[in-house]
Amino acid sequence: MTSNLVDRVIATDGALALLVALREKYGPLMFFQSGGCDDGSSPWCYALGEFCVGTADVYLGNLDGTPFYVGHEQFEYWRHAQLIIDVANGAVETDSLDGGGKKRFLTRSRLFSEEENSLLEKTVLTGPRHAADFG
C-alpha cells in the first residue's frame, strides 16, 4: 500500500471533474500510464476490466476511488516524482475513454523532497491487479 503521508499520484479539481463525468458514462474506471507513443504525457483511462495490468506494472494509488497504475519502466523514470493528473484541451489521442467534451487527461510531475523520498523508499507498492479485486 502507498504511504498516507506522501501520495505518488494526485489529481487537480479539473481532472477529478472529468473523472466523475467519465464514471457516470462508463461506470467504474482505471488509469494506466505508459511510456508509449505519447511520451508518457497522457494517462489512459479505461473502463475497469478493459485493460489487463501486468505483474511488472506498479500500482501508485487511487484518484477518487479509481486505481492508477504505471508501467514498470515509467515508474523507474518517475520514481522520485509525484504524478499530478490534470486536464488539457484537445481530443483524446490514445485508447483512453472519451467524454465527448474535447478534454483529455495530462500528466504533470514534481520532484519529491529528500524527506518524501526517504519515506517512500520504506513503502512497498502493492495493489489490486484484476477487476474482481476492486469489489
C-alpha atoms as a PDB file:
ATOM      1  CA  MET A   1       0.000   0.000   0.000  1.00  0.00           C
ATOM      2  CA  THR A   2       1.186   3.526  -0.573  1.00  0.00           C
ATOM      3  CA  SER A   3       2.003   5.784   2.350  1.00  0.00           C
ATOM      4  CA  ASN A   4      -0.718   8.061   3.691  1.00  0.00           C
ATOM      5  CA  LEU A   5       1.915  10.757   4.203  1.00  0.00           C
ATOM      6  CA  VAL A   6       3.011  11.062   0.578  1.00  0.00           C
ATOM      7  CA  ASP A   7       0.810  10.321  -2.418  1.00  0.00           C
ATOM      8  CA  ARG A   8       2.592   9.175  -5.551  1.00  0.00           C
ATOM      9  CA  VAL A   9      -0.325  10.308  -7.709  1.00  0.00           C
ATOM     10  CA  ILE A  10      -2.806  13.154  -7.183  1.00  0.00           C
ATOM     11  CA  ALA A  11      -5.343  14.939  -9.394  1.00  0.00           C
ATOM     12  CA  THR A  12      -6.391  18.518  -9.973  1.00  0.00           C
ATOM     13  CA  ASP A  13     -10.003  19.572  -9.478  1.00  0.00           C
ATOM     14  CA  GLY A  14     -10.432  19.645 -13.271  1.00  0.00           C
ATOM     15  CA  ALA A  15      -9.152  16.086 -13.621  1.00  0.00           C
ATOM     16  CA  LEU A  16     -11.460  14.912 -10.841  1.00  0.00           C
ATOM     17  CA  ALA A  17     -14.433  16.569 -12.565  1.00  0.00           C
ATOM     18  CA  LEU A  18     -13.601  14.824 -15.851  1.00  0.00           C
ATOM     19  CA  LEU A  19     -13.186  11.555 -13.977  1.00  0.00           C
ATOM     20  CA  VAL A  20     -16.671  11.941 -12.457  1.00  0.00           C
ATOM     21  CA  ALA A  21     -18.171  12.632 -15.909  1.00  0.00           C
ATOM     22  CA  LEU A  22     -16.458   9.577 -17.406  1.00  0.00           C
ATOM     23  CA  ARG A  23     -17.526   7.380 -14.497  1.00  0.00           C
ATOM     24  CA  GLU A  24     -21.156   8.473 -14.985  1.00  0.00           C
ATOM     25  CA  LYS A  25     -20.911   7.475 -18.637  1.00  0.00           C
ATOM     26  CA  TYR A  26     -18.814   4.277 -18.398  1.00  0.00           C
ATOM     27  CA  GLY A  27     -19.048   3.033 -14.805  1.00  0.00           C
ATOM     28  CA  PRO A  28     -16.013   2.125 -12.668  1.00  0.00           C
ATOM     29  CA  LEU A  29     -12.700   3.161 -14.218  1.00  0.00           C
ATOM     30  CA  MET A  30      -8.957   2.659 -14.002  1.00  0.00           C
ATOM     31  CA  PHE A  31      -5.867   4.547 -15.198  1.00  0.00           C
ATOM     32  CA  PHE A  32      -2.706   3.253 -16.812  1.00  0.00           C
ATOM     33  CA  GLN A  33       0.322   5.431 -17.500  1.00  0.00           C
ATOM     34  CA  SER A  34       2.711   4.043 -20.075  1.00  0.00           C
ATOM     35  CA  GLY A  35       5.732   5.405 -21.851  1.00  0.00           C
ATOM     36  CA  GLY A  36       4.343   4.694 -25.290  1.00  0.00           C
ATOM     37  CA  CYS A  37       3.905   6.868 -28.356  1.00  0.00           C
ATOM     38  CA  ASP A  38       2.555   9.812 -26.373  1.00  0.00           C
ATOM     39  CA  ASP A  39       5.849  10.014 -24.443  1.00  0.00           C
ATOM     40  CA  GLY A  40       4.032   9.177 -21.242  1.00  0.00           C
ATOM     41  CA  SER A  41       2.361  12.569 -21.015  1.00  0.00           C
ATOM     42  CA  SER A  42      -1.222  11.280 -21.094  1.00  0.00           C
ATOM     43  CA  PRO A  43      -2.520   8.523 -18.844  1.00  0.00           C
ATOM     44  CA  TRP A  44      -5.011   6.172 -20.400  1.00  0.00           C
ATOM     45  CA  CYS A  45      -8.394   5.924 -18.722  1.00  0.00           C
ATOM     46  CA  TYR A  46     -10.249   2.637 -19.218  1.00  0.00           C
ATOM     47  CA  ALA A  47     -13.465   1.071 -18.038  1.00  0.00           C
ATOM     48  CA  LEU A  48     -12.455  -1.159 -15.130  1.00  0.00           C
ATOM     49  CA  GLY A  49     -11.518  -4.568 -16.503  1.00  0.00           C
ATOM     50  CA  GLU A  50     -10.904  -3.342 -20.078  1.00  0.00           C
ATOM     51  CA  PHE A  51      -7.131  -3.283 -19.584  1.00  0.00           C
ATOM     52  CA  CYS A  52      -5.116  -6.125 -18.088  1.00  0.00           C
ATOM     53  CA  VAL A  53      -2.450  -4.898 -15.695  1.00  0.00           C
ATOM     54  CA  GLY A  54       0.792  -6.870 -15.931  1.00  0.00           C
ATOM     55  CA  THR A  55       2.696  -8.303 -12.997  1.00  0.00           C
ATOM     56  CA  ALA A  56       5.568  -5.827 -13.549  1.00  0.00           C
ATOM     57  CA  ASP A  57       3.233  -2.806 -13.610  1.00  0.00           C
ATOM     58  CA  VAL A  58       3.181  -0.641 -10.479  1.00  0.00           C
ATOM     59  CA  TYR A  59       0.093   0.431  -8.536  1.00  0.00           C
ATOM     60  CA  LEU A  60       0.522   4.065  -7.424  1.00  0.00           C
ATOM     61  CA  GLY A  61      -2.761   4.659  -5.633  1.00  0.00           C
ATOM     62  CA  ASN A  62      -6.307   5.849  -6.261  1.00  0.00           C
ATOM     63  CA  LEU A  63      -7.781   9.026  -7.651  1.00  0.00           C
ATOM     64  CA  ASP A  64     -11.245   9.403  -6.167  1.00  0.00           C
ATOM     65  CA  GLY A  65     -11.502   5.611  -5.888  1.00  0.00           C
ATOM     66  CA  THR A  66     -10.088   4.983  -9.372  1.00  0.00           C
ATOM     67  CA  PRO A  67      -6.931   2.816  -9.339  1.00  0.00           C
ATOM     68  CA  PHE A  68      -3.859   4.251 -11.067  1.00  0.00           C
ATOM     69  CA  TYR A  69      -1.090   2.058 -12.475  1.00  0.00           C
ATOM     70  CA  VAL A  70       2.127   2.876 -14.253  1.00  0.00           C
ATOM     71  CA  GLY A  71       4.321   0.696 -16.445  1.00  0.00           C
ATOM     72  CA  HIS A  72       7.461  -0.537 -14.692  1.00  0.00           C
ATOM     73  CA  GLU A  73       9.837   1.402 -16.966  1.00  0.00           C
ATOM     74  CA  GLN A  74       7.872   4.617 -16.449  1.00  0.00           C
ATOM     75  CA  PHE A  75       7.878   4.021 -12.704  1.00  0.00           C
ATOM     76  CA  GLU A  76      11.664   3.799 -12.710  1.00  0.00           C
ATOM     77  CA  TYR A  77      11.791   7.079 -14.622  1.00  0.00           C
ATOM     78  CA  TRP A  78       9.328   8.797 -12.246  1.00  0.00           C
ATOM     79  CA  ARG A  79      10.305   7.037  -9.031  1.00  0.00           C
ATOM     80  CA  HIS A  80      11.311  10.341  -7.395  1.00  0.00           C
ATOM     81  CA  ALA A  81       8.376  12.406  -8.664  1.00  0.00           C
ATOM     82  CA  GLN A  82       4.748  12.837  -7.753  1.00  0.00           C
ATOM     83  CA  LEU A  83       2.422  12.471 -10.730  1.00  0.00           C
ATOM     84  CA  ILE A  84      -0.181  15.210 -10.950  1.00  0.00           C
ATOM     85  CA  ILE A  85      -3.077  14.295 -13.225  1.00  0.00           C
ATOM     86  CA  ASP A  86      -4.516  17.364 -14.871  1.00  0.00           C
ATOM     87  CA  VAL A  87      -6.815  18.188 -17.791  1.00  0.00           C
ATOM     88  CA  ALA A  88      -5.895  19.812 -21.083  1.00  0.00           C
ATOM     89  CA  ASN A  89      -7.981  20.947 -24.025  1.00  0.00           C
ATOM     90  CA  GLY A  90      -7.869  18.712 -27.045  1.00  0.00           C
ATOM     91  CA  ALA A  91      -9.180  15.461 -28.345  1.00  0.00           C
ATOM     92  CA  VAL A  92      -8.171  12.166 -26.780  1.00  0.00           C
ATOM     93  CA  GLU A  93      -5.341  10.774 -28.917  1.00  0.00           C
ATOM     94  CA  THR A  94      -4.944   7.367 -27.290  1.00  0.00           C
ATOM     95  CA  ASP A  95      -7.128   4.404 -26.444  1.00  0.00           C
ATOM     96  CA  SER A  96      -8.357   6.375 -23.444  1.00  0.00           C
ATOM     97  CA  LEU A  97     -12.086   6.850 -22.899  1.00  0.00           C
ATOM     98  CA  ASP A  98     -13.551   9.985 -24.415  1.00  0.00           C
ATOM     99  CA  GLY A  99     -16.122  12.004 -22.541  1.00  0.00           C
ATOM    100  CA  GLY A 100     -17.056  13.887 -25.696  1.00  0.00           C
ATOM    101  CA  GLY A 101     -16.004  17.198 -24.204  1.00  0.00           C
ATOM    102  CA  LYS A 102     -12.737  17.667 -26.111  1.00  0.00           C
ATOM    103  CA  LYS A 103     -10.766  17.371 -22.896  1.00  0.00           C
ATOM    104  CA  ARG A 104      -8.044  14.885 -22.094  1.00  0.00           C
ATOM    105  CA  PHE A 105      -6.011  13.873 -19.088  1.00  0.00           C
ATOM    106  CA  LEU A 106      -2.442  15.127 -18.903  1.00  0.00           C
ATOM    107  CA  THR A 107       0.334  14.055 -16.544  1.00  0.00           C
ATOM    108  CA  ARG A 108       2.478  16.666 -14.885  1.00  0.00           C
ATOM    109  CA  SER A 109       5.025  15.969 -12.187  1.00  0.00           C
ATOM    110  CA  ARG A 110       7.000  17.464  -9.329  1.00  0.00           C
ATOM    111  CA  LEU A 111      10.112  16.075  -7.681  1.00  0.00           C
ATOM    112  CA  PHE A 112       9.722  14.737  -4.172  1.00  0.00           C
ATOM    113  CA  SER A 113      11.722  16.392  -1.396  1.00  0.00           C
ATOM    114  CA  GLU A 114      14.530  14.427   0.257  1.00  0.00           C
ATOM    115  CA  GLU A 115      12.236  13.783   3.216  1.00  0.00           C
ATOM    116  CA  GLU A 116       9.440  12.488   0.967  1.00  0.00           C
ATOM    117  CA  ASN A 117      11.878  10.252  -0.919  1.00  0.00           C
ATOM    118  CA  SER A 118      13.090   8.816   2.373  1.00  0.00           C
ATOM    119  CA  LEU A 119       9.521   7.981   3.417  1.00  0.00           C
ATOM    120  CA  LEU A 120       8.725   6.468   0.032  1.00  0.00           C
ATOM    121  CA  GLU A 121      11.808   4.252  -0.027  1.00  0.00           C
ATOM    122  CA  LYS A 122      10.317   2.467   3.002  1.00  0.00           C
ATOM    123  CA  THR A 123       6.977   1.965   1.246  1.00  0.00           C
ATOM    124  CA  VAL A 124       6.084  -1.202  -0.610  1.00  0.00           C
ATOM    125  CA  LEU A 125       3.825  -0.580  -3.608  1.00  0.00           C
ATOM    126  CA  THR A 126       1.122  -3.192  -3.938  1.00  0.00           C
ATOM    127  CA  GLY A 127      -2.395  -3.031  -5.159  1.00  0.00           C
ATOM    128  CA  PRO A 128      -5.230  -4.798  -6.919  1.00  0.00           C
ATOM    129  CA  ARG A 129      -4.299  -6.427 -10.228  1.00  0.00           C
ATOM    130  CA  HIS A 130      -7.700  -7.545 -11.549  1.00  0.00           C
ATOM    131  CA  ALA A 131     -11.143  -6.007 -11.801  1.00  0.00           C
ATOM    132  CA  ALA A 132     -12.506  -8.547  -9.296  1.00  0.00           C
ATOM    133  CA  ASP A 133     -10.021  -7.261  -6.698  1.00  0.00           C
ATOM    134  CA  PHE A 134     -11.792  -3.908  -6.580  1.00  0.00           C
ATOM    135  CA  GLY A 135     -15.066  -5.498  -5.498  1.00  0.00           C
END
